[in-house]
N, C-alpha and C. Protein backbone atom coordinates (compact mmCIF):
# COMPACT_ATOMS: atom_id res chain seq x y z
N MET A 1 -28.46 -40.63 -76.53
CA MET A 1 -28.56 -41.97 -77.10
C MET A 1 -27.37 -42.78 -76.61
N THR A 2 -27.65 -43.81 -75.80
CA THR A 2 -26.57 -44.63 -75.28
C THR A 2 -26.94 -46.10 -75.41
N ARG A 3 -25.93 -46.92 -75.41
CA ARG A 3 -26.10 -48.37 -75.41
C ARG A 3 -24.81 -48.94 -74.86
N PRO A 4 -24.81 -50.20 -74.42
CA PRO A 4 -23.56 -50.79 -73.93
C PRO A 4 -22.50 -50.78 -75.02
N PRO A 5 -21.26 -50.45 -74.68
CA PRO A 5 -20.21 -50.44 -75.70
C PRO A 5 -19.89 -51.85 -76.17
N THR A 6 -19.39 -51.95 -77.40
CA THR A 6 -18.94 -53.24 -77.91
C THR A 6 -17.65 -53.65 -77.19
N ALA A 7 -17.23 -54.88 -77.40
CA ALA A 7 -16.00 -55.36 -76.76
C ALA A 7 -14.80 -54.51 -77.18
N ALA A 8 -14.74 -54.15 -78.47
CA ALA A 8 -13.62 -53.32 -78.94
C ALA A 8 -13.68 -51.93 -78.32
N GLN A 9 -14.87 -51.37 -78.24
CA GLN A 9 -15.01 -50.04 -77.63
C GLN A 9 -14.67 -50.10 -76.15
N ARG A 10 -15.06 -51.18 -75.48
CA ARG A 10 -14.75 -51.33 -74.06
C ARG A 10 -13.25 -51.37 -73.83
N ARG A 11 -12.52 -52.00 -74.74
CA ARG A 11 -11.06 -52.05 -74.60
C ARG A 11 -10.46 -50.66 -74.71
N VAL A 12 -11.00 -49.83 -75.62
CA VAL A 12 -10.51 -48.46 -75.75
C VAL A 12 -10.83 -47.67 -74.49
N ILE A 13 -12.04 -47.85 -73.96
CA ILE A 13 -12.44 -47.14 -72.74
C ILE A 13 -11.56 -47.57 -71.57
N ASP A 14 -11.33 -48.88 -71.43
CA ASP A 14 -10.53 -49.39 -70.32
C ASP A 14 -9.08 -48.90 -70.38
N ALA A 15 -8.59 -48.61 -71.60
CA ALA A 15 -7.21 -48.16 -71.77
C ALA A 15 -7.06 -46.65 -71.63
N ALA A 16 -8.14 -45.95 -71.31
CA ALA A 16 -8.06 -44.49 -71.17
C ALA A 16 -7.13 -44.11 -70.03
N ASP A 17 -6.52 -42.94 -70.16
CA ASP A 17 -5.65 -42.44 -69.10
C ASP A 17 -6.47 -42.37 -67.80
N PRO A 18 -5.96 -42.93 -66.69
CA PRO A 18 -6.75 -42.99 -65.47
C PRO A 18 -7.06 -41.63 -64.85
N VAL A 19 -6.26 -40.63 -65.15
CA VAL A 19 -6.49 -39.30 -64.57
C VAL A 19 -7.23 -38.39 -65.54
N THR A 20 -6.73 -38.26 -66.76
CA THR A 20 -7.32 -37.30 -67.70
C THR A 20 -8.48 -37.89 -68.49
N GLY A 21 -8.55 -39.21 -68.60
CA GLY A 21 -9.58 -39.83 -69.44
C GLY A 21 -9.28 -39.72 -70.93
N ARG A 22 -8.05 -39.39 -71.28
CA ARG A 22 -7.69 -39.27 -72.69
C ARG A 22 -7.70 -40.65 -73.35
N LEU A 23 -8.25 -40.68 -74.58
CA LEU A 23 -8.45 -41.93 -75.29
C LEU A 23 -7.48 -42.07 -76.46
N ARG A 24 -7.15 -43.30 -76.77
CA ARG A 24 -6.38 -43.62 -77.97
C ARG A 24 -7.08 -44.74 -78.70
N GLY A 25 -7.22 -44.60 -80.01
CA GLY A 25 -7.88 -45.62 -80.81
C GLY A 25 -7.96 -45.15 -82.25
N THR A 26 -8.58 -45.96 -83.08
CA THR A 26 -8.76 -45.55 -84.47
C THR A 26 -9.81 -44.45 -84.54
N GLN A 27 -9.82 -43.71 -85.64
CA GLN A 27 -10.80 -42.65 -85.80
C GLN A 27 -12.22 -43.22 -85.77
N ALA A 28 -12.41 -44.41 -86.33
CA ALA A 28 -13.73 -45.03 -86.33
C ALA A 28 -14.17 -45.37 -84.91
N GLN A 29 -13.24 -45.92 -84.12
CA GLN A 29 -13.57 -46.25 -82.74
C GLN A 29 -13.92 -45.01 -81.93
N LEU A 30 -13.11 -43.97 -82.08
CA LEU A 30 -13.34 -42.75 -81.33
C LEU A 30 -14.64 -42.08 -81.75
N ALA A 31 -14.91 -42.06 -83.06
CA ALA A 31 -16.15 -41.46 -83.55
C ALA A 31 -17.36 -42.21 -83.00
N ALA A 32 -17.27 -43.54 -82.91
CA ALA A 32 -18.38 -44.32 -82.37
C ALA A 32 -18.60 -44.02 -80.90
N LEU A 33 -17.51 -43.86 -80.15
CA LEU A 33 -17.64 -43.54 -78.73
C LEU A 33 -18.29 -42.17 -78.54
N VAL A 34 -17.94 -41.22 -79.42
CA VAL A 34 -18.57 -39.90 -79.37
C VAL A 34 -20.06 -40.02 -79.69
N LYS A 35 -20.38 -40.79 -80.72
CA LYS A 35 -21.77 -40.95 -81.15
C LYS A 35 -22.64 -41.48 -80.02
N TRP A 36 -22.12 -42.43 -79.25
CA TRP A 36 -22.91 -43.05 -78.20
C TRP A 36 -22.75 -42.38 -76.85
N GLY A 37 -22.06 -41.23 -76.80
CA GLY A 37 -22.00 -40.44 -75.58
C GLY A 37 -20.96 -40.86 -74.57
N PHE A 38 -20.01 -41.73 -74.98
CA PHE A 38 -18.98 -42.18 -74.06
C PHE A 38 -17.72 -41.32 -74.13
N ALA A 39 -17.60 -40.47 -75.13
CA ALA A 39 -16.41 -39.65 -75.32
C ALA A 39 -16.80 -38.32 -75.96
N PHE A 40 -15.89 -37.36 -75.86
CA PHE A 40 -16.08 -36.11 -76.58
C PHE A 40 -14.76 -35.72 -77.24
N ARG A 41 -14.86 -35.00 -78.35
CA ARG A 41 -13.69 -34.52 -79.08
C ARG A 41 -13.44 -33.08 -78.66
N HIS A 42 -12.26 -32.82 -78.12
CA HIS A 42 -11.97 -31.48 -77.63
C HIS A 42 -11.91 -30.49 -78.80
N PRO A 43 -12.54 -29.32 -78.64
CA PRO A 43 -12.60 -28.39 -79.76
C PRO A 43 -11.27 -27.73 -80.12
N ARG A 44 -10.32 -27.73 -79.19
CA ARG A 44 -9.04 -27.08 -79.47
C ARG A 44 -8.01 -28.10 -79.93
N PRO A 45 -7.10 -27.70 -80.82
CA PRO A 45 -6.04 -28.61 -81.27
C PRO A 45 -5.27 -29.15 -80.08
N PRO A 46 -4.82 -30.38 -80.12
CA PRO A 46 -4.84 -31.32 -81.26
C PRO A 46 -6.12 -32.15 -81.37
N HIS A 47 -7.22 -31.67 -80.80
CA HIS A 47 -8.53 -32.32 -80.91
C HIS A 47 -8.52 -33.76 -80.39
N ASP A 48 -7.90 -33.93 -79.23
CA ASP A 48 -7.89 -35.26 -78.63
C ASP A 48 -9.29 -35.64 -78.14
N HIS A 49 -9.48 -36.92 -77.90
CA HIS A 49 -10.74 -37.44 -77.40
C HIS A 49 -10.60 -37.81 -75.93
N PHE A 50 -11.65 -37.53 -75.15
CA PHE A 50 -11.65 -37.79 -73.72
C PHE A 50 -12.97 -38.45 -73.31
N LEU A 51 -12.92 -39.21 -72.22
CA LEU A 51 -14.14 -39.84 -71.71
C LEU A 51 -15.10 -38.79 -71.17
N THR A 52 -16.37 -38.99 -71.42
CA THR A 52 -17.42 -38.21 -70.78
C THR A 52 -17.71 -38.84 -69.41
N PRO A 53 -18.52 -38.20 -68.56
CA PRO A 53 -18.91 -38.87 -67.30
C PRO A 53 -19.51 -40.25 -67.53
N ALA A 54 -20.29 -40.42 -68.61
CA ALA A 54 -20.84 -41.75 -68.91
C ALA A 54 -19.73 -42.73 -69.23
N GLY A 55 -18.71 -42.28 -69.97
CA GLY A 55 -17.58 -43.15 -70.28
C GLY A 55 -16.80 -43.54 -69.04
N HIS A 56 -16.62 -42.56 -68.11
CA HIS A 56 -15.94 -42.88 -66.85
C HIS A 56 -16.72 -43.93 -66.07
N ARG A 57 -18.06 -43.80 -66.07
CA ARG A 57 -18.87 -44.78 -65.33
C ARG A 57 -18.72 -46.18 -65.94
N ILE A 58 -18.67 -46.23 -67.26
CA ILE A 58 -18.48 -47.53 -67.92
C ILE A 58 -17.12 -48.10 -67.53
N ARG A 59 -16.09 -47.26 -67.55
CA ARG A 59 -14.73 -47.72 -67.23
C ARG A 59 -14.63 -48.25 -65.81
N GLU A 60 -15.36 -47.61 -64.90
CA GLU A 60 -15.24 -47.98 -63.49
C GLU A 60 -16.23 -49.05 -63.06
N ALA A 61 -17.22 -49.35 -63.94
CA ALA A 61 -18.22 -50.35 -63.58
C ALA A 61 -17.62 -51.74 -63.61
N GLU A 62 -18.14 -52.61 -62.77
CA GLU A 62 -17.68 -53.99 -62.76
C GLU A 62 -18.26 -54.73 -63.95
N GLU A 63 -17.48 -55.60 -64.53
CA GLU A 63 -17.96 -56.47 -65.60
C GLU A 63 -19.02 -57.41 -65.03
N PRO A 64 -20.14 -57.66 -65.75
CA PRO A 64 -21.14 -58.60 -65.25
C PRO A 64 -20.53 -59.97 -65.02
N GLY A 65 -20.82 -60.52 -63.85
CA GLY A 65 -20.36 -61.87 -63.55
C GLY A 65 -18.94 -61.95 -63.03
N THR A 66 -18.25 -60.82 -62.90
CA THR A 66 -16.88 -60.88 -62.38
C THR A 66 -16.92 -60.88 -60.86
N PRO A 67 -15.97 -61.55 -60.21
CA PRO A 67 -15.97 -61.59 -58.75
C PRO A 67 -15.60 -60.24 -58.18
N ASP A 68 -16.01 -60.01 -56.93
CA ASP A 68 -15.66 -58.75 -56.26
C ASP A 68 -14.16 -58.65 -56.14
N PRO A 69 -13.58 -57.47 -56.37
CA PRO A 69 -12.13 -57.33 -56.25
C PRO A 69 -11.69 -57.43 -54.81
N GLU A 70 -10.49 -57.94 -54.61
CA GLU A 70 -9.92 -58.00 -53.28
C GLU A 70 -9.55 -56.61 -52.81
N PRO A 71 -9.83 -56.25 -51.55
CA PRO A 71 -9.42 -54.93 -51.07
C PRO A 71 -7.91 -54.79 -51.08
N GLU A 72 -7.46 -53.59 -51.33
CA GLU A 72 -6.03 -53.26 -51.36
C GLU A 72 -5.30 -53.99 -52.48
N ALA A 73 -6.04 -54.49 -53.49
CA ALA A 73 -5.39 -55.25 -54.54
C ALA A 73 -4.97 -54.46 -55.76
N PRO A 74 -5.44 -53.20 -55.95
CA PRO A 74 -5.17 -52.56 -57.23
C PRO A 74 -3.73 -52.18 -57.48
N ALA A 75 -2.83 -52.39 -56.53
CA ALA A 75 -1.45 -51.98 -56.74
C ALA A 75 -0.82 -52.70 -57.92
N ALA A 76 -1.31 -53.90 -58.23
CA ALA A 76 -0.70 -54.69 -59.30
C ALA A 76 -1.21 -54.31 -60.68
N THR A 77 -2.19 -53.39 -60.77
CA THR A 77 -2.78 -53.10 -62.07
C THR A 77 -1.93 -52.15 -62.89
N GLY A 78 -1.00 -51.45 -62.27
CA GLY A 78 -0.19 -50.50 -62.99
C GLY A 78 -0.84 -49.14 -63.14
N VAL A 79 -2.06 -48.96 -62.60
CA VAL A 79 -2.76 -47.68 -62.66
C VAL A 79 -2.29 -46.81 -61.50
N PHE A 80 -2.00 -45.55 -61.78
CA PHE A 80 -1.54 -44.66 -60.72
C PHE A 80 -2.63 -44.44 -59.69
N VAL A 81 -2.27 -44.52 -58.42
CA VAL A 81 -3.18 -44.24 -57.32
C VAL A 81 -2.45 -43.33 -56.34
N ALA A 82 -3.06 -42.18 -56.03
CA ALA A 82 -2.44 -41.26 -55.09
C ALA A 82 -2.45 -41.85 -53.68
N ARG A 83 -1.50 -41.45 -52.86
CA ARG A 83 -1.42 -41.91 -51.47
C ARG A 83 -2.46 -41.20 -50.63
N VAL A 84 -3.41 -41.94 -50.07
CA VAL A 84 -4.41 -41.35 -49.19
C VAL A 84 -3.96 -41.40 -47.73
N GLY A 85 -2.90 -42.17 -47.47
CA GLY A 85 -2.39 -42.30 -46.11
C GLY A 85 -2.94 -43.52 -45.40
N GLY A 86 -2.05 -44.25 -44.74
CA GLY A 86 -2.48 -45.42 -43.96
C GLY A 86 -2.64 -46.68 -44.77
N GLU A 87 -2.14 -46.73 -46.01
CA GLU A 87 -2.26 -47.95 -46.82
C GLU A 87 -1.50 -49.11 -46.19
N GLU A 88 -2.06 -50.30 -46.29
CA GLU A 88 -1.36 -51.48 -45.78
C GLU A 88 -0.13 -51.80 -46.61
N GLU A 89 -0.23 -51.60 -47.93
CA GLU A 89 0.90 -51.85 -48.82
C GLU A 89 1.10 -50.61 -49.69
N PRO A 90 1.74 -49.58 -49.16
CA PRO A 90 1.92 -48.35 -49.94
C PRO A 90 2.87 -48.56 -51.11
N PRO A 91 2.72 -47.75 -52.15
CA PRO A 91 3.64 -47.84 -53.29
C PRO A 91 5.04 -47.42 -52.88
N GLY A 92 6.01 -47.75 -53.70
CA GLY A 92 7.39 -47.43 -53.40
C GLY A 92 7.64 -45.92 -53.39
N THR A 93 8.74 -45.54 -52.82
CA THR A 93 9.14 -44.14 -52.79
C THR A 93 10.38 -43.97 -53.67
N GLY A 94 10.82 -42.75 -53.78
CA GLY A 94 12.01 -42.49 -54.57
C GLY A 94 11.71 -41.72 -55.83
N PRO A 95 12.72 -41.54 -56.68
CA PRO A 95 12.55 -40.72 -57.89
C PRO A 95 11.44 -41.20 -58.81
N ALA A 96 11.27 -42.52 -58.94
CA ALA A 96 10.23 -43.03 -59.84
C ALA A 96 8.85 -42.61 -59.36
N ARG A 97 8.60 -42.73 -58.07
CA ARG A 97 7.31 -42.32 -57.52
C ARG A 97 7.12 -40.82 -57.67
N THR A 98 8.17 -40.06 -57.45
CA THR A 98 8.09 -38.61 -57.60
C THR A 98 7.69 -38.23 -59.02
N ARG A 99 8.28 -38.91 -60.01
CA ARG A 99 7.93 -38.63 -61.41
C ARG A 99 6.47 -39.00 -61.68
N GLU A 100 6.02 -40.12 -61.14
CA GLU A 100 4.64 -40.54 -61.35
C GLU A 100 3.67 -39.51 -60.78
N VAL A 101 3.96 -39.05 -59.57
CA VAL A 101 3.07 -38.08 -58.92
C VAL A 101 3.06 -36.77 -59.70
N ARG A 102 4.23 -36.32 -60.12
CA ARG A 102 4.32 -35.07 -60.88
C ARG A 102 3.54 -35.19 -62.19
N SER A 103 3.69 -36.32 -62.87
CA SER A 103 2.99 -36.52 -64.13
C SER A 103 1.48 -36.56 -63.92
N ALA A 104 1.04 -37.24 -62.85
CA ALA A 104 -0.40 -37.33 -62.57
C ALA A 104 -0.97 -35.95 -62.25
N TRP A 105 -0.23 -35.15 -61.51
CA TRP A 105 -0.71 -33.80 -61.17
C TRP A 105 -0.79 -32.92 -62.41
N GLN A 106 0.22 -32.98 -63.27
CA GLN A 106 0.17 -32.20 -64.50
C GLN A 106 -0.98 -32.66 -65.40
N GLY A 107 -1.23 -33.98 -65.41
CA GLY A 107 -2.35 -34.49 -66.17
C GLY A 107 -3.68 -33.99 -65.63
N LEU A 108 -3.78 -33.88 -64.31
CA LEU A 108 -5.01 -33.37 -63.71
C LEU A 108 -5.22 -31.90 -64.04
N LEU A 109 -4.15 -31.12 -64.02
CA LEU A 109 -4.27 -29.71 -64.40
C LEU A 109 -4.71 -29.58 -65.85
N GLU A 110 -4.19 -30.44 -66.71
CA GLU A 110 -4.60 -30.41 -68.11
C GLU A 110 -6.07 -30.81 -68.25
N LEU A 111 -6.51 -31.78 -67.43
CA LEU A 111 -7.91 -32.16 -67.46
C LEU A 111 -8.80 -31.00 -67.03
N ARG A 112 -8.35 -30.24 -66.04
CA ARG A 112 -9.10 -29.04 -65.64
C ARG A 112 -9.22 -28.07 -66.82
N ARG A 113 -8.10 -27.85 -67.50
CA ARG A 113 -8.10 -26.89 -68.61
C ARG A 113 -9.06 -27.34 -69.71
N MET A 114 -9.11 -28.63 -69.95
CA MET A 114 -9.90 -29.12 -71.06
C MET A 114 -11.37 -29.31 -70.72
N THR A 115 -11.70 -29.52 -69.45
CA THR A 115 -13.09 -29.85 -69.12
C THR A 115 -13.83 -28.77 -68.34
N ASN A 116 -13.14 -27.87 -67.65
CA ASN A 116 -13.84 -26.75 -67.04
C ASN A 116 -14.35 -25.84 -68.15
N PRO A 117 -15.58 -25.36 -68.05
CA PRO A 117 -16.17 -24.58 -69.14
C PRO A 117 -15.33 -23.39 -69.58
N ASP A 118 -14.67 -22.73 -68.64
CA ASP A 118 -13.86 -21.57 -68.99
C ASP A 118 -12.37 -21.91 -69.10
N GLY A 119 -12.03 -23.19 -69.07
CA GLY A 119 -10.64 -23.60 -69.17
C GLY A 119 -9.81 -23.29 -67.93
N ALA A 120 -10.48 -23.01 -66.80
CA ALA A 120 -9.76 -22.64 -65.58
C ALA A 120 -8.98 -23.82 -65.02
N MET A 121 -7.75 -23.56 -64.61
CA MET A 121 -6.91 -24.61 -64.02
C MET A 121 -6.75 -24.43 -62.51
N ASP A 122 -7.38 -23.36 -61.97
CA ASP A 122 -7.20 -23.07 -60.55
C ASP A 122 -8.34 -23.59 -59.68
N ARG A 123 -9.25 -24.37 -60.26
CA ARG A 123 -10.30 -24.98 -59.45
C ARG A 123 -10.59 -26.38 -59.97
N PRO A 124 -11.10 -27.26 -59.10
CA PRO A 124 -11.32 -28.66 -59.48
C PRO A 124 -12.32 -28.82 -60.61
N CYS A 125 -12.18 -29.94 -61.31
CA CYS A 125 -13.06 -30.25 -62.45
C CYS A 125 -14.03 -31.36 -62.05
N GLY A 126 -14.83 -31.79 -63.00
CA GLY A 126 -15.83 -32.80 -62.73
C GLY A 126 -15.25 -34.11 -62.24
N TRP A 127 -14.11 -34.54 -62.81
CA TRP A 127 -13.49 -35.79 -62.37
C TRP A 127 -13.17 -35.74 -60.89
N GLU A 128 -12.64 -34.61 -60.43
CA GLU A 128 -12.28 -34.48 -59.02
C GLU A 128 -13.50 -34.56 -58.12
N ARG A 129 -14.63 -34.04 -58.59
CA ARG A 129 -15.85 -34.06 -57.78
C ARG A 129 -16.42 -35.46 -57.64
N THR A 130 -16.06 -36.35 -58.53
CA THR A 130 -16.52 -37.74 -58.42
C THR A 130 -15.43 -38.65 -57.86
N HIS A 131 -14.25 -38.11 -57.59
CA HIS A 131 -13.14 -38.87 -57.01
C HIS A 131 -12.49 -38.00 -55.93
N LEU A 132 -13.30 -37.60 -54.95
CA LEU A 132 -12.86 -36.60 -53.97
C LEU A 132 -11.61 -37.02 -53.21
N VAL A 133 -11.59 -38.22 -52.69
CA VAL A 133 -10.46 -38.66 -51.86
C VAL A 133 -9.18 -38.72 -52.69
N GLN A 134 -9.26 -39.31 -53.87
CA GLN A 134 -8.08 -39.41 -54.73
C GLN A 134 -7.60 -38.03 -55.18
N ALA A 135 -8.54 -37.14 -55.49
CA ALA A 135 -8.17 -35.80 -55.97
C ALA A 135 -7.46 -35.02 -54.87
N ALA A 136 -8.01 -35.03 -53.67
CA ALA A 136 -7.39 -34.30 -52.57
C ALA A 136 -6.03 -34.91 -52.22
N ALA A 137 -5.97 -36.25 -52.22
CA ALA A 137 -4.71 -36.92 -51.90
C ALA A 137 -3.64 -36.60 -52.93
N LEU A 138 -4.02 -36.53 -54.21
CA LEU A 138 -3.04 -36.20 -55.25
C LEU A 138 -2.50 -34.79 -55.05
N ALA A 139 -3.37 -33.84 -54.72
CA ALA A 139 -2.91 -32.47 -54.47
C ALA A 139 -1.90 -32.43 -53.33
N LEU A 140 -2.17 -33.19 -52.28
CA LEU A 140 -1.26 -33.21 -51.12
C LEU A 140 0.06 -33.90 -51.44
N GLU A 141 -0.04 -35.07 -52.09
CA GLU A 141 1.20 -35.80 -52.41
C GLU A 141 2.05 -35.03 -53.40
N ALA A 142 1.40 -34.38 -54.39
CA ALA A 142 2.15 -33.62 -55.39
C ALA A 142 2.86 -32.43 -54.76
N ALA A 143 2.30 -31.90 -53.66
CA ALA A 143 2.92 -30.76 -52.98
C ALA A 143 4.00 -31.18 -52.00
N GLY A 144 4.22 -32.48 -51.86
CA GLY A 144 5.31 -32.96 -51.03
C GLY A 144 4.94 -33.28 -49.59
N HIS A 145 3.64 -33.29 -49.26
CA HIS A 145 3.25 -33.64 -47.90
C HIS A 145 3.44 -35.13 -47.67
N ARG A 146 3.68 -35.49 -46.43
CA ARG A 146 3.97 -36.89 -46.11
C ARG A 146 2.69 -37.64 -45.80
N PRO A 147 2.38 -38.70 -46.55
CA PRO A 147 1.21 -39.52 -46.22
C PRO A 147 1.50 -40.40 -45.01
N ALA A 148 0.48 -40.71 -44.25
CA ALA A 148 0.65 -41.54 -43.06
C ALA A 148 1.08 -42.94 -43.43
N GLY A 149 1.99 -43.47 -42.63
CA GLY A 149 2.41 -44.86 -42.79
C GLY A 149 1.77 -45.71 -41.71
N ALA A 150 2.40 -46.81 -41.37
CA ALA A 150 1.86 -47.70 -40.35
C ALA A 150 1.79 -47.01 -38.99
N ASP A 151 2.67 -46.02 -38.77
CA ASP A 151 2.68 -45.32 -37.49
C ASP A 151 1.69 -44.16 -37.44
N LEU A 152 0.94 -43.96 -38.54
CA LEU A 152 -0.09 -42.92 -38.64
C LEU A 152 0.48 -41.50 -38.57
N VAL A 153 1.80 -41.36 -38.68
CA VAL A 153 2.40 -40.02 -38.73
C VAL A 153 2.34 -39.54 -40.17
N GLY A 154 1.60 -38.48 -40.43
CA GLY A 154 1.40 -37.98 -41.77
C GLY A 154 -0.08 -37.78 -42.03
N TYR A 155 -0.40 -37.33 -43.24
CA TYR A 155 -1.81 -37.05 -43.54
C TYR A 155 -2.57 -38.32 -43.90
N ARG A 156 -3.87 -38.28 -43.64
CA ARG A 156 -4.80 -39.32 -44.07
C ARG A 156 -6.03 -38.62 -44.64
N VAL A 157 -6.40 -38.93 -45.87
CA VAL A 157 -7.57 -38.35 -46.51
C VAL A 157 -8.68 -39.40 -46.47
N ARG A 158 -9.84 -39.00 -45.97
CA ARG A 158 -10.94 -39.94 -45.82
C ARG A 158 -12.25 -39.31 -46.30
N ALA A 159 -13.14 -40.16 -46.81
CA ALA A 159 -14.47 -39.72 -47.22
C ALA A 159 -15.28 -39.32 -45.99
N THR A 160 -16.29 -38.50 -46.21
CA THR A 160 -17.18 -38.07 -45.13
C THR A 160 -18.63 -38.26 -45.58
N PRO A 161 -19.57 -38.24 -44.63
CA PRO A 161 -20.99 -38.32 -45.02
C PRO A 161 -21.48 -37.09 -45.77
N GLN A 162 -20.73 -36.01 -45.69
CA GLN A 162 -21.15 -34.79 -46.36
C GLN A 162 -20.89 -34.88 -47.86
N PRO A 163 -21.81 -34.38 -48.68
CA PRO A 163 -21.59 -34.40 -50.14
C PRO A 163 -20.45 -33.48 -50.53
N GLU A 164 -19.61 -33.96 -51.42
CA GLU A 164 -18.48 -33.20 -51.95
C GLU A 164 -17.57 -32.67 -50.85
N ALA A 165 -17.25 -33.52 -49.88
CA ALA A 165 -16.34 -33.10 -48.81
C ALA A 165 -15.50 -34.29 -48.36
N VAL A 166 -14.22 -34.02 -48.10
CA VAL A 166 -13.33 -35.02 -47.53
C VAL A 166 -12.73 -34.48 -46.25
N ALA A 167 -12.30 -35.38 -45.40
CA ALA A 167 -11.62 -35.00 -44.16
C ALA A 167 -10.15 -35.33 -44.29
N VAL A 168 -9.31 -34.41 -43.86
CA VAL A 168 -7.86 -34.62 -43.85
C VAL A 168 -7.41 -34.62 -42.39
N HIS A 169 -6.83 -35.74 -41.97
CA HIS A 169 -6.36 -35.88 -40.61
C HIS A 169 -4.83 -35.84 -40.62
N GLU A 170 -4.28 -35.17 -39.65
CA GLU A 170 -2.82 -35.05 -39.52
C GLU A 170 -2.53 -34.70 -38.07
N PRO A 171 -1.80 -35.57 -37.34
CA PRO A 171 -1.62 -35.35 -35.90
C PRO A 171 -0.82 -34.10 -35.56
N ASP A 172 0.04 -33.65 -36.47
CA ASP A 172 0.84 -32.46 -36.20
C ASP A 172 0.07 -31.21 -36.61
N PRO A 173 -0.22 -30.30 -35.68
CA PRO A 173 -1.03 -29.12 -36.01
C PRO A 173 -0.43 -28.27 -37.13
N GLY A 174 0.88 -28.11 -37.12
CA GLY A 174 1.52 -27.33 -38.17
C GLY A 174 1.39 -27.98 -39.53
N ALA A 175 1.57 -29.30 -39.57
CA ALA A 175 1.44 -30.02 -40.83
C ALA A 175 -0.01 -30.01 -41.31
N LEU A 176 -0.96 -30.05 -40.38
CA LEU A 176 -2.38 -29.99 -40.76
C LEU A 176 -2.69 -28.65 -41.42
N ARG A 177 -2.18 -27.56 -40.83
CA ARG A 177 -2.41 -26.23 -41.43
C ARG A 177 -1.74 -26.14 -42.80
N ALA A 178 -0.58 -26.77 -42.95
CA ALA A 178 0.09 -26.77 -44.25
C ALA A 178 -0.73 -27.53 -45.28
N CYS A 179 -1.36 -28.64 -44.88
CA CYS A 179 -2.24 -29.37 -45.80
C CYS A 179 -3.41 -28.50 -46.23
N ALA A 180 -3.97 -27.76 -45.28
CA ALA A 180 -5.09 -26.87 -45.59
C ALA A 180 -4.66 -25.80 -46.59
N THR A 181 -3.48 -25.26 -46.41
CA THR A 181 -2.97 -24.23 -47.32
C THR A 181 -2.80 -24.79 -48.72
N THR A 182 -2.26 -26.01 -48.82
CA THR A 182 -2.06 -26.65 -50.13
C THR A 182 -3.39 -26.86 -50.84
N LEU A 183 -4.37 -27.40 -50.13
CA LEU A 183 -5.66 -27.66 -50.75
C LEU A 183 -6.35 -26.36 -51.17
N GLU A 184 -6.22 -25.34 -50.35
CA GLU A 184 -6.82 -24.05 -50.71
C GLU A 184 -6.19 -23.51 -51.99
N ALA A 185 -4.87 -23.63 -52.11
CA ALA A 185 -4.18 -23.18 -53.31
C ALA A 185 -4.55 -24.02 -54.52
N ALA A 186 -4.96 -25.28 -54.29
CA ALA A 186 -5.34 -26.18 -55.38
C ALA A 186 -6.82 -26.03 -55.76
N GLY A 187 -7.52 -25.07 -55.16
CA GLY A 187 -8.89 -24.80 -55.54
C GLY A 187 -9.95 -25.42 -54.65
N TRP A 188 -9.57 -25.78 -53.42
CA TRP A 188 -10.53 -26.37 -52.49
C TRP A 188 -10.90 -25.36 -51.41
N GLN A 189 -12.14 -25.42 -50.94
CA GLN A 189 -12.56 -24.66 -49.78
C GLN A 189 -12.24 -25.48 -48.55
N VAL A 190 -11.58 -24.89 -47.56
CA VAL A 190 -11.14 -25.65 -46.40
C VAL A 190 -11.54 -24.96 -45.11
N GLY A 191 -11.65 -25.76 -44.09
CA GLY A 191 -11.92 -25.25 -42.75
C GLY A 191 -11.47 -26.27 -41.72
N GLU A 192 -10.96 -25.80 -40.58
CA GLU A 192 -10.53 -26.70 -39.52
C GLU A 192 -11.67 -26.92 -38.53
N HIS A 193 -11.77 -28.17 -38.07
CA HIS A 193 -12.84 -28.54 -37.14
C HIS A 193 -12.27 -29.46 -36.07
N ASN A 194 -13.04 -29.64 -35.00
CA ASN A 194 -12.69 -30.58 -33.94
C ASN A 194 -13.57 -31.82 -34.06
N ASP A 195 -12.96 -32.99 -33.98
CA ASP A 195 -13.73 -34.22 -33.99
C ASP A 195 -14.62 -34.27 -32.75
N ALA A 196 -15.89 -34.64 -32.94
CA ALA A 196 -16.85 -34.60 -31.84
C ALA A 196 -16.47 -35.56 -30.71
N ARG A 197 -15.79 -36.65 -31.05
CA ARG A 197 -15.45 -37.63 -30.01
C ARG A 197 -14.06 -37.42 -29.45
N SER A 198 -13.08 -37.39 -30.34
CA SER A 198 -11.69 -37.31 -29.88
C SER A 198 -11.22 -35.88 -29.64
N ARG A 199 -11.96 -34.90 -30.18
CA ARG A 199 -11.58 -33.48 -30.11
C ARG A 199 -10.34 -33.18 -30.93
N ALA A 200 -9.85 -34.14 -31.70
CA ALA A 200 -8.68 -33.90 -32.54
C ALA A 200 -9.06 -32.97 -33.69
N ARG A 201 -8.13 -32.12 -34.07
CA ARG A 201 -8.38 -31.20 -35.18
C ARG A 201 -8.26 -31.93 -36.51
N TYR A 202 -9.10 -31.56 -37.46
CA TYR A 202 -8.99 -32.08 -38.82
C TYR A 202 -9.46 -31.01 -39.78
N VAL A 203 -9.14 -31.19 -41.05
CA VAL A 203 -9.53 -30.26 -42.11
C VAL A 203 -10.65 -30.86 -42.91
N LEU A 204 -11.71 -30.09 -43.12
CA LEU A 204 -12.78 -30.47 -44.02
C LEU A 204 -12.61 -29.68 -45.32
N ALA A 205 -12.53 -30.38 -46.45
CA ALA A 205 -12.24 -29.73 -47.72
C ALA A 205 -13.27 -30.10 -48.78
N SER A 206 -13.69 -29.11 -49.56
CA SER A 206 -14.65 -29.30 -50.64
C SER A 206 -14.14 -28.60 -51.89
N PRO A 207 -14.36 -29.18 -53.07
CA PRO A 207 -13.92 -28.51 -54.31
C PRO A 207 -14.64 -27.17 -54.50
N ARG A 208 -13.88 -26.16 -54.79
CA ARG A 208 -14.46 -24.83 -55.02
C ARG A 208 -15.11 -24.81 -56.41
N ARG A 209 -16.27 -24.15 -56.51
CA ARG A 209 -16.99 -24.09 -57.78
C ARG A 209 -16.72 -22.81 -58.55
N ALA A 210 -16.33 -21.75 -57.90
CA ALA A 210 -16.09 -20.48 -58.61
C ALA A 210 -15.02 -19.69 -57.89
């Protein structure tokens, strides 16, 4: 049973943690979101509430009648975005960025624990399967790999036509193998391939299911 959320419910959904989907609101608001299938109450203490896949879709959907967002504009929203490599305006570096990345990675591990049926933290969860590029990029950035800058030195994570697969490009062969090792340790299946046109090596990575 679903219906469009009310304006108050939409505000709660929009304020959810961007990585874990954890919600904050009154008990009445949270109960209503659960009733309509936009949230679930975790069975283990402290019984926090989290967005369901339907809630995530609502959060990410465009408001009716709103203009298309400008590309590369989300940096001003304050929402954490992992470095995929090659950004025109990358976020700042330094201790603050390091703390943000560490916090986002720990939040993702907690999301795995709470949403994987067996509580496993060693393999990707549903959120990662619907945000492949961001999930893979977060694993790489959290492990300390260098994202590509304007000079393209460093990793670049890109979507592929294959379902549940991303491509990781890195001009340095040793660094590419290190990226593959990191993703494998983070619960991804990886393999190295040659680009059909350029013959450059790249890593194809997919979230492991078991």
